[in-house]
Amino acid sequence: MTSSANATPRHPAMSFDERYRAISSRDTRFDGQFVTAVRTTGIYCRPSCPARTPKPGNVSFFATSAAAHEAGYRACKRCLPEAAPGSPAWDLRGDAASRAMRLIADGVIEREGVPGLARRLGYSTRHLTRMLTEELGAGPVALARAHRAQTARMLLVGTELTMADVAFSAGFASVRQFNDTVREIFGLTPSQLRARRPRAAGDPFGAPGGVSLALPRRDPFDAAGLFAWMSARALPGVEVATADSFARTVRLPGGPARFRVHDDGSRLRLHATLARLGDLPVLVARVRRLFDLDADPVAIDAALAAVPALRGSVRGVPGLRVPGAADPAEMLVRAMIGQQVSVAAARTALTRLAAALGERMPQPPADPGDAPADSGDARAVPGPTLLFPTPAAIAERGGEVLRGPAARVRAIVSAAEALAGGSLELSPGDDPAAQRAALIALPGIGPWTADYVRMRVTGDPDVLLPGDVAARAGAAALGVPADARGLTEWATRAAPWRSYLMGHLWRAALPRAAARPQAAPRPPAPEPPSAPDTTDPFSLAPLERTPA
């Protein structure tokens, strides 16, 4: 066993004493951020485990469960550390290790192997393995194995899938490999692990052939704000949003899928139907990014509330989240179409594009548990059946469908061609600075679009959009500098959480936008490709556009 003296590298922001105080107080805020291994028992736990706190000399802390596995520990049967939310470190950090963790969660190793992961990160397989082992205590294969085990546990306790379906859905190559891994990590057979799940009422969103799972999260959680934001941008046919649910179609490596996320007041529940069950881990990772479920809201709110001008906003909207992206390529197209126009105008243009070039999926069969159509229940809302157009389709026919300035249409088609041809790749594991540079190098993409895509695709928590019209209106409402330079200088006090600062600025702009009389719509003025791009990403009512 590994002793506390030679455990894997510390979490960069916490000392041994700070971690020990966290486990002594059983602080749930740190669940998922590290695990505690106890030498005398050979078990590792989440920080909030209710078991007796071990002596400091018997404790080792690991950044990942995979590192604890590699050191010979098994998961605690009492607190099930694999059921904790993911670590916010992988978004807060922008280094190769954090990018690797995001790509592993997105299933890159299952699809492309370790060489594919190394290629995406720009390293040799040997150097990547050495770097991850030194940084996280486990190499890429062990990290992927731990991720598969976490998915398997989630499926065992959250679904009625057969053991074989669980094994292949979680990404295991065989049922035997699945059985051996679960027994080794959890000290239980898959059947024993399933038998320990809590008995609860049936899932109202469960449908034949579907998978339904509870998604761990950290509270507070601004569910109402997220669903309202998604509702304002939902594209008919592609997405369906209500006050407490969001559904959409999405392309996954094994084929198209449809999912719905519902808030029941205490947790989020995901229901999905997939062309291939093996895509489930990829979908779960994308939904977690879309809803920003691995954020640390207590730390974020505490840091922002320390800024006097933000204290009231944070108190009014605790647990604000920054939405991610279900599909990076789609996110770029949506951001480019949204440049210099209102949310409503962008939604109209995107709806027309999706209707003309998107692919149809069959209407899902009715769920026997669905509510009557006139009940007002979210379950009565028809599911989405339209897939957002592929980059190849937009590259081929986008010029026929898109309207507006010719330069902008050419820029969107050119970006789609780059995505379809592979000269531009977007993923959650991109180096943020390199992604930004690659985007700005394309015609028609300015700093706002590149930074907005970076915020949404990589989950970078420290993105400021100083030229954004709505953000500057929100800054004025909060009594802070509203000009681009002044806002940039003032916002340094909110680092490294400036993406969440943007959310509060956008929220602060809403009352002013709602109260403002709406002028007759007018077409956006043409702009040269190099001109700064601005928009109003979070506003539920359009604001007047002015060049940044």
Protein backbone atom coordinates (compact mmCIF):
# COMPACT_ATOMS: atom_id res chain seq x y z
CA MET A 1 0.00 0.00 0.00
CA THR A 2 1.01 3.61 -0.49
CA SER A 3 1.60 5.61 2.65
CA SER A 4 0.72 9.21 3.19
CA ALA A 5 4.35 10.12 2.80
CA ASN A 6 4.61 8.96 -0.80
CA ALA A 7 1.06 9.23 -2.11
CA THR A 8 0.36 10.54 -5.59
CA PRO A 9 0.79 14.28 -6.19
CA ARG A 10 -1.43 16.54 -4.18
CA HIS A 11 -4.39 18.39 -5.53
CA PRO A 12 -2.79 21.67 -6.62
CA ALA A 13 -5.06 23.82 -4.47
CA MET A 14 -5.14 21.83 -1.23
CA SER A 15 -2.55 20.71 1.31
CA PHE A 16 -2.69 17.45 3.26
CA ASP A 17 -3.94 19.32 6.34
CA GLU A 18 -6.71 21.04 4.36
CA ARG A 19 -7.88 17.73 2.96
CA TYR A 20 -7.76 16.08 6.35
CA ARG A 21 -9.91 18.84 7.83
CA ALA A 22 -12.38 18.26 4.99
CA ILE A 23 -12.72 14.54 5.75
CA SER A 24 -12.83 15.18 9.51
CA SER A 25 -15.85 17.44 9.00
CA ARG A 26 -17.33 15.08 6.36
CA ASP A 27 -17.66 18.05 4.04
CA THR A 28 -19.76 17.05 1.01
CA ARG A 29 -18.41 19.98 -1.00
CA PHE A 30 -15.24 18.00 -1.67
CA ASP A 31 -16.91 14.80 -2.88
CA GLY A 32 -15.49 14.01 -6.30
CA GLN A 33 -12.54 16.35 -5.91
CA PHE A 34 -10.29 13.74 -4.33
CA VAL A 35 -10.54 10.37 -2.61
CA THR A 36 -9.23 9.26 0.78
CA ALA A 37 -7.40 5.94 0.99
CA VAL A 38 -6.89 4.21 4.35
CA ARG A 39 -3.82 2.01 4.61
CA THR A 40 -5.12 -0.14 7.47
CA THR A 41 -8.32 -1.16 5.65
CA GLY A 42 -7.25 -1.06 2.00
CA ILE A 43 -10.33 1.04 1.18
CA TYR A 44 -10.78 4.46 -0.40
CA CYS A 45 -13.72 6.76 0.31
CA ARG A 46 -15.24 10.06 -0.67
CA PRO A 47 -14.46 12.94 1.75
CA SER A 48 -17.94 12.89 3.27
CA CYS A 49 -17.93 9.17 4.11
CA PRO A 50 -19.78 8.67 7.43
CA ALA A 51 -17.27 6.09 8.62
CA ARG A 52 -14.95 6.88 11.50
CA THR A 53 -12.21 9.33 10.52
CA PRO A 54 -8.87 7.47 10.23
CA LYS A 55 -5.69 8.65 11.87
CA PRO A 56 -3.60 11.03 9.72
CA GLY A 57 -0.73 8.57 9.55
CA ASN A 58 -2.97 5.97 7.91
CA VAL A 59 -4.34 8.30 5.23
CA SER A 60 -3.32 8.87 1.62
CA PHE A 61 -5.10 11.30 -0.70
CA PHE A 62 -5.47 10.66 -4.41
CA ALA A 63 -6.66 12.99 -7.16
CA THR A 64 -8.58 10.20 -8.91
CA SER A 65 -10.14 6.88 -8.02
CA ALA A 66 -8.00 5.32 -10.75
CA ALA A 67 -4.89 6.28 -8.79
CA ALA A 68 -6.32 4.61 -5.70
CA HIS A 69 -7.08 1.48 -7.76
CA GLU A 70 -3.53 1.41 -9.07
CA ALA A 71 -2.20 1.69 -5.51
CA GLY A 72 -4.20 -1.40 -4.51
CA TYR A 73 -7.23 0.10 -2.79
CA ARG A 74 -10.88 -0.76 -3.44
CA ALA A 75 -13.96 1.44 -3.23
CA CYS A 76 -15.87 1.82 0.02
CA LYS A 77 -19.15 -0.11 0.00
CA ARG A 78 -20.71 2.40 2.36
CA CYS A 79 -20.15 5.75 0.63
CA LEU A 80 -19.59 4.53 -2.97
CA PRO A 81 -17.11 7.24 -4.04
CA GLU A 82 -17.82 6.46 -7.72
CA ALA A 83 -21.30 7.93 -7.21
CA ALA A 84 -19.93 11.40 -6.42
CA PRO A 85 -20.10 14.24 -8.99
CA GLY A 86 -17.03 14.66 -11.17
CA SER A 87 -14.12 16.85 -10.19
CA PRO A 88 -14.38 20.54 -11.13
CA ALA A 89 -10.61 20.54 -11.47
CA TRP A 90 -10.82 19.28 -15.06
CA ASP A 91 -12.54 22.51 -16.09
CA LEU A 92 -10.66 24.83 -13.76
CA ARG A 93 -7.34 23.49 -14.97
CA GLY A 94 -6.36 23.84 -18.62
CA ASP A 95 -3.31 21.59 -18.63
CA ALA A 96 -2.84 18.36 -20.58
CA ALA A 97 -3.97 16.18 -17.66
CA SER A 98 -7.31 17.95 -17.37
CA ARG A 99 -7.81 17.87 -21.13
CA ALA A 100 -7.05 14.15 -21.09
CA MET A 101 -9.67 13.57 -18.42
CA ARG A 102 -12.32 15.38 -20.47
CA LEU A 103 -11.45 13.37 -23.58
CA ILE A 104 -11.44 10.08 -21.67
CA ALA A 105 -14.92 10.90 -20.36
CA ASP A 106 -15.98 11.59 -23.96
CA GLY A 107 -14.95 8.05 -24.94
CA VAL A 108 -11.84 8.83 -27.00
CA ILE A 109 -9.90 5.82 -25.72
CA GLU A 110 -12.77 3.45 -26.54
CA ARG A 111 -12.96 4.87 -30.09
CA GLU A 112 -9.35 5.70 -30.90
CA GLY A 113 -7.25 3.98 -28.26
CA VAL A 114 -4.41 5.55 -26.30
CA PRO A 115 -2.61 6.56 -29.55
CA GLY A 116 -5.69 8.58 -30.54
CA LEU A 117 -5.77 10.32 -27.16
CA ALA A 118 -2.06 11.08 -27.41
CA ARG A 119 -2.49 12.49 -30.93
CA ARG A 120 -5.25 14.82 -29.81
CA LEU A 121 -3.09 16.10 -26.97
CA GLY A 122 0.06 16.38 -29.11
CA TYR A 123 2.21 13.85 -27.23
CA SER A 124 3.68 10.41 -27.82
CA THR A 125 1.87 7.57 -26.06
CA ARG A 126 4.90 6.98 -23.84
CA HIS A 127 5.15 10.60 -22.76
CA LEU A 128 1.40 10.83 -22.20
CA THR A 129 1.40 7.74 -20.00
CA ARG A 130 4.36 9.00 -18.00
CA MET A 131 2.85 12.47 -17.59
CA LEU A 132 -0.57 11.23 -16.44
CA THR A 133 0.99 8.73 -14.06
CA GLU A 134 3.13 11.43 -12.48
CA GLU A 135 0.29 13.98 -12.37
CA LEU A 136 -2.74 11.82 -11.53
CA GLY A 137 -1.26 8.57 -10.23
CA ALA A 138 -2.59 6.45 -13.11
CA GLY A 139 -2.01 6.12 -16.84
CA PRO A 140 -4.63 6.56 -19.58
CA VAL A 141 -5.67 2.89 -19.65
CA ALA A 142 -6.25 2.85 -15.88
CA LEU A 143 -8.14 6.15 -16.02
CA ALA A 144 -10.40 4.83 -18.79
CA ARG A 145 -10.94 1.61 -16.85
CA ALA A 146 -12.00 3.58 -13.77
CA HIS A 147 -14.40 5.62 -15.90
CA ARG A 148 -15.95 2.41 -17.26
CA ALA A 149 -16.34 1.10 -13.70
CA GLN A 150 -18.11 4.30 -12.66
CA THR A 151 -20.48 4.01 -15.60
CA ALA A 152 -21.14 0.34 -14.81
CA ARG A 153 -22.00 1.15 -11.19
CA MET A 154 -24.37 3.88 -12.35
CA LEU A 155 -26.13 1.45 -14.72
CA LEU A 156 -26.28 -1.36 -12.19
CA VAL A 157 -28.01 0.73 -9.53
CA GLY A 158 -30.01 2.98 -11.85
CA THR A 159 -31.41 0.71 -14.57
CA GLU A 160 -32.88 -2.71 -15.21
CA LEU A 161 -30.44 -3.48 -18.03
CA THR A 162 -29.16 -7.04 -18.20
CA MET A 163 -25.62 -7.65 -17.01
CA ALA A 164 -24.43 -8.10 -20.58
CA ASP A 165 -26.03 -4.81 -21.65
CA VAL A 166 -24.45 -3.04 -18.67
CA ALA A 167 -21.05 -4.46 -19.57
CA PHE A 168 -21.13 -3.31 -23.18
CA SER A 169 -22.89 -0.01 -22.43
CA ALA A 170 -20.11 0.87 -19.99
CA GLY A 171 -17.48 0.16 -22.64
CA PHE A 172 -16.11 -3.20 -21.51
CA ALA A 173 -14.86 -5.56 -24.20
CA SER A 174 -16.43 -8.63 -22.57
CA VAL A 175 -18.74 -9.65 -19.73
CA ARG A 176 -15.83 -11.40 -18.05
CA GLN A 177 -13.75 -8.21 -18.06
CA PHE A 178 -16.75 -6.36 -16.64
CA ASN A 179 -17.26 -8.93 -13.85
CA ASP A 180 -13.58 -8.94 -12.90
CA THR A 181 -13.28 -5.14 -12.85
CA VAL A 182 -16.43 -4.58 -10.76
CA ARG A 183 -15.38 -7.24 -8.27
CA GLU A 184 -11.86 -5.82 -8.01
CA ILE A 185 -12.88 -2.19 -7.60
CA PHE A 186 -16.00 -2.49 -5.47
CA GLY A 187 -15.35 -5.75 -3.65
CA LEU A 188 -18.78 -6.95 -4.84
CA THR A 189 -20.07 -8.87 -7.82
CA PRO A 190 -22.27 -6.95 -10.24
CA SER A 191 -25.33 -8.76 -8.86
CA GLN A 192 -24.40 -7.86 -5.28
CA LEU A 193 -23.84 -4.23 -6.25
CA ARG A 194 -27.24 -4.08 -7.94
CA ALA A 195 -28.92 -5.63 -4.91
CA ARG A 196 -27.64 -2.77 -2.72
CA ARG A 197 -29.46 -0.06 -4.68
CA PRO A 198 -32.26 1.82 -2.93
CA ARG A 199 -35.78 0.78 -3.84
CA ALA A 200 -37.79 3.71 -5.17
CA ALA A 201 -40.83 4.42 -7.26
CA GLY A 202 -40.53 3.83 -10.98
CA ASP A 203 -39.05 6.54 -13.16
CA PRO A 204 -41.80 8.57 -14.83
CA PHE A 205 -39.60 9.09 -17.87
CA GLY A 206 -38.67 5.45 -18.36
CA ALA A 207 -39.81 4.14 -21.75
CA PRO A 208 -39.38 0.75 -23.40
CA GLY A 209 -35.88 0.48 -24.84
CA GLY A 210 -34.69 3.54 -22.93
CA VAL A 211 -32.20 4.10 -20.15
CA SER A 212 -32.97 6.27 -17.14
CA LEU A 213 -30.32 7.49 -14.70
CA ALA A 214 -29.96 9.93 -11.83
CA LEU A 215 -27.20 12.48 -12.42
CA PRO A 216 -25.14 13.46 -9.36
CA ARG A 217 -24.68 17.19 -8.86
CA ARG A 218 -23.51 19.68 -6.29
CA ASP A 219 -25.99 22.05 -4.68
CA PRO A 220 -27.01 24.82 -4.88
CA PHE A 221 -28.15 24.34 -8.46
CA ASP A 222 -29.97 27.00 -10.48
CA ALA A 223 -32.16 24.58 -12.45
CA ALA A 224 -34.80 27.22 -13.23
CA GLY A 225 -32.22 29.51 -14.81
CA LEU A 226 -30.74 26.75 -16.95
CA PHE A 227 -34.08 25.54 -18.26
CA ALA A 228 -35.21 29.12 -18.97
CA TRP A 229 -31.99 29.76 -20.89
CA MET A 230 -32.46 26.58 -22.93
CA SER A 231 -36.13 27.31 -23.54
CA ALA A 232 -35.29 30.69 -25.06
CA ARG A 233 -32.97 29.02 -27.58
CA ALA A 234 -34.68 25.69 -28.24
CA LEU A 235 -34.95 24.94 -31.97
CA PRO A 236 -38.30 23.40 -32.91
CA GLY A 237 -37.86 19.77 -33.85
CA VAL A 238 -34.28 19.62 -32.52
CA GLU A 239 -34.98 20.63 -28.92
CA VAL A 240 -37.95 20.79 -26.57
CA ALA A 241 -37.73 22.77 -23.33
CA THR A 242 -40.16 23.36 -20.48
CA ALA A 243 -39.81 25.02 -17.08
CA ASP A 244 -38.30 21.84 -15.60
CA SER A 245 -37.10 19.70 -18.51
CA PHE A 246 -35.01 19.79 -21.66
CA ALA A 247 -34.95 17.26 -24.50
CA ARG A 248 -33.03 17.12 -27.74
CA THR A 249 -31.55 14.91 -30.42
CA VAL A 250 -27.82 14.46 -30.74
CA ARG A 251 -25.37 12.55 -32.92
CA LEU A 252 -23.13 10.12 -31.06
CA PRO A 253 -20.33 7.87 -32.39
CA GLY A 254 -22.68 4.90 -32.74
CA GLY A 255 -25.60 6.79 -34.28
CA PRO A 256 -28.33 9.28 -33.40
CA ALA A 257 -29.77 9.49 -29.90
CA ARG A 258 -32.53 11.31 -28.09
CA PHE A 259 -32.40 12.38 -24.44
CA ARG A 260 -34.47 14.24 -21.90
CA VAL A 261 -33.28 15.77 -18.64
CA HIS A 262 -35.84 16.48 -15.95
CA ASP A 263 -35.49 18.25 -12.61
CA ASP A 264 -37.54 16.74 -9.79
CA GLY A 265 -36.51 19.35 -7.23
CA SER A 266 -33.71 17.39 -5.62
CA ARG A 267 -31.81 15.88 -8.55
CA LEU A 268 -31.66 15.68 -12.31
CA ARG A 269 -32.73 12.55 -14.13
CA LEU A 270 -31.60 11.59 -17.60
CA HIS A 271 -33.69 9.42 -19.88
CA ALA A 272 -32.18 8.41 -23.21
CA THR A 273 -32.79 6.21 -26.21
CA LEU A 274 -29.67 5.37 -28.20
CA ALA A 275 -28.81 3.61 -31.43
CA ARG A 276 -25.99 1.85 -29.58
CA LEU A 277 -25.90 1.29 -25.83
CA GLY A 278 -22.12 1.68 -25.87
CA ASP A 279 -22.65 5.40 -26.51
CA LEU A 280 -24.21 5.91 -23.09
CA PRO A 281 -20.98 6.97 -21.29
CA VAL A 282 -20.35 9.55 -24.03
CA LEU A 283 -23.88 10.88 -23.72
CA VAL A 284 -23.68 11.10 -19.92
CA ALA A 285 -20.41 13.04 -20.19
CA ARG A 286 -21.93 15.46 -22.70
CA VAL A 287 -25.08 16.00 -20.66
CA ARG A 288 -22.99 16.65 -17.56
CA ARG A 289 -21.04 19.30 -19.48
CA LEU A 290 -24.23 20.74 -20.97
CA PHE A 291 -25.68 21.27 -17.48
CA ASP A 292 -22.31 22.12 -15.87
CA LEU A 293 -22.93 19.44 -13.24
CA ASP A 294 -19.32 19.10 -12.10
CA ALA A 295 -18.96 22.74 -11.09
CA ASP A 296 -18.20 23.64 -7.48
CA PRO A 297 -20.99 26.19 -6.81
CA VAL A 298 -20.02 26.83 -3.21
CA ALA A 299 -16.49 27.84 -4.15
CA ILE A 300 -17.68 29.89 -7.14
CA ASP A 301 -20.40 31.70 -5.19
CA ALA A 302 -18.06 32.40 -2.28
CA ALA A 303 -15.44 33.93 -4.58
CA LEU A 304 -17.93 36.08 -6.50
CA ALA A 305 -19.83 37.16 -3.38
CA ALA A 306 -16.55 38.51 -2.02
CA VAL A 307 -16.83 41.20 -4.72
CA PRO A 308 -19.22 43.79 -3.20
CA ALA A 309 -20.96 44.65 -6.48
CA LEU A 310 -21.83 40.98 -7.06
CA ARG A 311 -22.96 40.04 -3.57
CA GLY A 312 -26.64 40.73 -4.18
CA SER A 313 -26.67 38.92 -7.53
CA VAL A 314 -25.03 35.82 -6.06
CA ARG A 315 -27.45 35.84 -3.15
CA GLY A 316 -30.36 36.13 -5.56
CA VAL A 317 -29.19 33.36 -7.90
CA PRO A 318 -27.14 30.82 -5.92
CA GLY A 319 -25.61 27.97 -7.87
CA LEU A 320 -25.66 29.69 -11.27
CA ARG A 321 -24.32 27.40 -14.00
CA VAL A 322 -22.75 28.13 -17.39
CA PRO A 323 -24.27 25.82 -20.05
CA GLY A 324 -21.92 23.66 -22.08
CA ALA A 325 -22.40 22.24 -25.58
CA ALA A 326 -24.00 18.97 -26.67
CA ASP A 327 -22.09 19.12 -29.97
CA PRO A 328 -18.99 21.32 -30.48
CA ALA A 329 -19.41 21.73 -34.25
CA GLU A 330 -23.06 22.72 -33.83
CA MET A 331 -22.02 25.18 -31.14
CA LEU A 332 -19.72 27.00 -33.55
CA VAL A 333 -22.42 27.28 -36.19
CA ARG A 334 -24.95 28.54 -33.64
CA ALA A 335 -22.47 31.11 -32.31
CA MET A 336 -21.64 32.40 -35.80
CA ILE A 337 -25.30 32.73 -36.76
CA GLY A 338 -25.93 34.51 -33.45
CA GLN A 339 -23.35 37.22 -34.10
CA GLN A 340 -24.76 40.76 -34.05
CA VAL A 341 -28.41 39.62 -33.91
CA SER A 342 -30.95 39.02 -31.16
CA VAL A 343 -31.62 35.64 -29.63
CA ALA A 344 -34.99 35.55 -31.38
CA ALA A 345 -33.46 36.35 -34.77
CA ALA A 346 -30.74 33.74 -34.33
CA ARG A 347 -33.32 31.16 -33.33
CA THR A 348 -35.36 31.90 -36.45
CA ALA A 349 -32.33 31.50 -38.71
CA LEU A 350 -31.21 28.31 -36.99
CA THR A 351 -34.71 26.83 -37.13
CA ARG A 352 -34.83 27.46 -40.88
CA LEU A 353 -31.38 25.88 -41.31
CA ALA A 354 -32.31 22.79 -39.27
CA ALA A 355 -35.63 22.31 -41.06
CA ALA A 356 -33.98 22.52 -44.48
CA LEU A 357 -30.84 20.46 -43.90
CA GLY A 358 -31.44 18.37 -40.77
CA GLU A 359 -32.21 14.65 -40.78
CA ARG A 360 -35.47 13.27 -39.44
CA MET A 361 -35.68 10.62 -36.75
CA PRO A 362 -38.80 8.52 -36.20
CA GLN A 363 -41.19 9.78 -33.53
CA PRO A 364 -40.47 7.84 -30.32
CA PRO A 365 -43.14 5.37 -29.21
CA ALA A 366 -45.53 6.60 -26.55
CA ASP A 367 -44.40 5.86 -23.02
CA PRO A 368 -47.13 4.09 -21.02
CA GLY A 369 -46.18 6.33 -18.10
CA ASP A 370 -46.59 9.57 -20.06
CA ALA A 371 -49.10 12.11 -18.86
CA PRO A 372 -52.22 13.00 -20.90
CA ALA A 373 -51.61 15.60 -23.57
CA ASP A 374 -53.82 18.17 -21.81
CA SER A 375 -52.31 17.70 -18.36
CA GLY A 376 -49.58 20.33 -18.64
CA ASP A 377 -47.03 17.75 -17.49
CA ALA A 378 -43.58 17.90 -19.13
CA ARG A 379 -43.98 14.25 -20.12
CA ALA A 380 -46.85 15.18 -22.43
CA VAL A 381 -44.61 17.34 -24.63
CA PRO A 382 -43.76 15.56 -27.93
CA GLY A 383 -40.14 14.53 -28.17
CA PRO A 384 -37.68 16.05 -30.66
CA THR A 385 -37.29 14.24 -33.99
CA LEU A 386 -34.90 16.43 -36.00
CA LEU A 387 -31.09 16.21 -35.97
CA PHE A 388 -29.16 19.46 -36.34
CA PRO A 389 -27.45 19.57 -39.76
CA THR A 390 -23.98 18.11 -40.09
CA PRO A 391 -21.07 20.37 -41.09
CA ALA A 392 -20.96 18.52 -44.42
CA ALA A 393 -24.61 19.36 -45.13
CA ILE A 394 -24.07 23.03 -44.23
CA ALA A 395 -20.92 23.17 -46.34
CA GLU A 396 -22.80 21.75 -49.32
CA ARG A 397 -26.11 23.61 -49.12
CA GLY A 398 -25.77 26.26 -46.42
CA GLY A 399 -25.32 28.97 -49.02
CA GLU A 400 -28.78 28.19 -50.38
CA VAL A 401 -30.52 28.32 -46.99
CA LEU A 402 -28.72 30.95 -44.93
CA ARG A 403 -29.76 34.57 -45.27
CA GLY A 404 -28.07 37.81 -44.35
CA PRO A 405 -24.84 39.54 -45.39
CA ALA A 406 -22.98 37.56 -48.03
CA ALA A 407 -19.72 37.79 -46.08
CA ARG A 408 -21.32 36.17 -43.05
CA VAL A 409 -22.90 33.37 -45.08
CA ARG A 410 -19.54 32.65 -46.72
CA ALA A 411 -17.86 32.62 -43.30
CA ILE A 412 -20.36 30.10 -41.90
CA VAL A 413 -20.07 27.85 -44.96
CA SER A 414 -16.27 28.11 -44.84
CA ALA A 415 -16.21 27.09 -41.15
CA ALA A 416 -18.51 24.15 -41.92
CA GLU A 417 -16.16 23.07 -44.71
CA ALA A 418 -13.22 23.19 -42.31
CA LEU A 419 -15.13 21.07 -39.78
CA ALA A 420 -16.30 18.59 -42.41
CA GLY A 421 -12.85 18.29 -43.97
CA GLY A 422 -11.04 17.83 -40.67
CA SER A 423 -8.82 20.90 -40.93
CA LEU A 424 -10.68 22.26 -37.88
CA GLU A 425 -11.44 19.98 -34.94
CA LEU A 426 -13.39 21.06 -31.85
CA SER A 427 -13.63 18.99 -28.70
CA PRO A 428 -13.90 19.45 -24.92
CA GLY A 429 -10.27 18.38 -24.66
CA ASP A 430 -8.89 21.19 -26.81
CA ASP A 431 -6.21 23.45 -25.46
CA PRO A 432 -8.27 26.64 -24.93
CA ALA A 433 -5.64 29.01 -26.29
CA ALA A 434 -4.97 26.86 -29.35
CA GLN A 435 -8.69 26.48 -30.03
CA ARG A 436 -9.18 30.24 -29.81
CA ALA A 437 -6.29 30.89 -32.20
CA ALA A 438 -7.59 28.33 -34.70
CA LEU A 439 -11.04 29.91 -34.68
CA ILE A 440 -9.85 33.50 -35.01
CA ALA A 441 -7.74 32.43 -38.00
CA LEU A 442 -10.96 31.63 -39.88
CA PRO A 443 -12.65 34.44 -41.86
CA GLY A 444 -15.64 36.01 -40.14
CA ILE A 445 -14.80 34.80 -36.62
CA GLY A 446 -13.81 37.45 -34.12
CA PRO A 447 -12.90 37.42 -30.44
CA TRP A 448 -16.49 37.18 -29.15
CA THR A 449 -17.32 34.06 -31.15
CA ALA A 450 -14.00 32.36 -30.40
CA ASP A 451 -14.25 33.06 -26.68
CA TYR A 452 -17.93 32.17 -26.47
CA VAL A 453 -17.23 28.81 -28.16
CA ARG A 454 -14.32 28.26 -25.79
CA MET A 455 -16.58 28.91 -22.81
CA ARG A 456 -19.25 26.52 -24.04
CA VAL A 457 -17.12 23.71 -25.56
CA THR A 458 -14.14 23.41 -23.22
CA GLY A 459 -15.97 24.53 -20.09
CA ASP A 460 -13.32 27.17 -19.40
CA PRO A 461 -14.55 28.88 -16.21
CA ASP A 462 -12.55 32.07 -16.72
CA VAL A 463 -13.80 33.59 -19.99
CA LEU A 464 -14.76 37.27 -20.12
CA LEU A 465 -16.55 38.79 -23.13
CA PRO A 466 -15.92 42.51 -22.59
CA GLY A 467 -17.40 43.50 -25.95
CA ASP A 468 -20.70 41.75 -25.27
CA VAL A 469 -23.54 44.28 -25.35
CA ALA A 470 -25.71 42.51 -22.77
CA ALA A 471 -22.79 41.99 -20.39
CA ARG A 472 -21.98 45.68 -20.53
CA ALA A 473 -25.64 46.53 -19.88
CA GLY A 474 -25.56 44.19 -16.90
CA ALA A 475 -22.37 45.80 -15.65
CA ALA A 476 -24.03 49.21 -15.79
CA ALA A 477 -27.02 47.82 -13.87
CA LEU A 478 -24.67 46.56 -11.15
CA GLY A 479 -22.80 49.85 -10.98
CA VAL A 480 -19.47 48.61 -12.32
CA PRO A 481 -17.50 49.87 -15.33
CA ALA A 482 -19.50 49.18 -18.49
CA ASP A 483 -16.95 50.07 -21.17
CA ALA A 484 -14.90 47.18 -22.57
CA ARG A 485 -11.57 48.30 -21.11
CA GLY A 486 -12.97 49.25 -17.73
CA LEU A 487 -14.95 46.01 -17.45
CA THR A 488 -11.87 43.97 -18.35
CA GLU A 489 -9.81 45.63 -15.62
CA TRP A 490 -12.58 45.44 -13.02
CA ALA A 491 -13.34 41.76 -13.77
CA THR A 492 -9.86 40.60 -12.75
CA ARG A 493 -11.19 40.42 -9.17
CA ALA A 494 -13.58 37.66 -10.29
CA ALA A 495 -10.82 35.40 -11.69
CA PRO A 496 -10.76 32.44 -12.14
CA TRP A 497 -14.58 32.47 -12.37
CA ARG A 498 -15.19 35.11 -15.04
CA SER A 499 -17.44 32.79 -17.07
CA TYR A 500 -19.79 32.74 -14.07
CA LEU A 501 -19.38 36.48 -13.74
CA MET A 502 -20.67 36.68 -17.32
CA GLY A 503 -23.73 34.72 -16.25
CA HIS A 504 -24.45 37.22 -13.48
CA LEU A 505 -23.90 40.18 -15.84
CA TRP A 506 -26.29 38.68 -18.38
CA ARG A 507 -28.85 38.10 -15.63
CA ALA A 508 -28.47 41.68 -14.42
CA ALA A 509 -29.30 42.91 -17.93
CA LEU A 510 -32.61 41.03 -18.10
CA PRO A 511 -34.89 43.54 -16.27
CA ARG A 512 -33.62 46.40 -18.40
CA ALA A 513 -34.04 44.39 -21.58
CA ALA A 514 -37.55 43.31 -20.66
CA ALA A 515 -38.62 46.86 -19.83
CA ARG A 516 -37.18 48.40 -22.98
CA PRO A 517 -39.73 49.11 -25.77
CA GLN A 518 -39.05 46.86 -28.74
CA ALA A 519 -38.37 48.64 -32.02
CA ALA A 520 -39.41 47.17 -35.33
CA PRO A 521 -36.94 44.49 -36.41
CA ARG A 522 -34.36 45.52 -38.92
CA PRO A 523 -31.75 43.47 -40.79
CA PRO A 524 -28.25 43.49 -39.28
CA ALA A 525 -25.77 45.75 -41.02
CA PRO A 526 -22.97 44.02 -42.93
CA GLU A 527 -19.64 43.94 -41.18
CA PRO A 528 -16.15 43.12 -42.42
CA PRO A 529 -14.96 39.67 -41.30
CA SER A 530 -12.38 41.19 -39.00
CA ALA A 531 -14.88 43.37 -37.13
CA PRO A 532 -15.49 42.55 -33.48
CA ASP A 533 -18.52 40.32 -33.00
CA THR A 534 -21.00 40.78 -30.18
CA THR A 535 -24.29 39.30 -29.16
CA ASP A 536 -26.60 38.84 -26.22
CA PRO A 537 -26.25 35.15 -25.34
CA PHE A 538 -28.34 34.89 -22.16
CA SER A 539 -31.00 37.56 -22.68
CA LEU A 540 -34.60 36.38 -22.90
CA ALA A 541 -35.50 39.59 -24.75
CA PRO A 542 -33.47 41.12 -27.59
CA LEU A 543 -31.27 44.13 -26.96
CA GLU A 544 -30.40 46.78 -29.48
CA ARG A 545 -27.13 45.91 -31.16
CA THR A 546 -24.27 48.35 -31.46
CA PRO A 547 -20.75 47.59 -32.68
CA ALA A 548 -18.35 46.75 -29.89
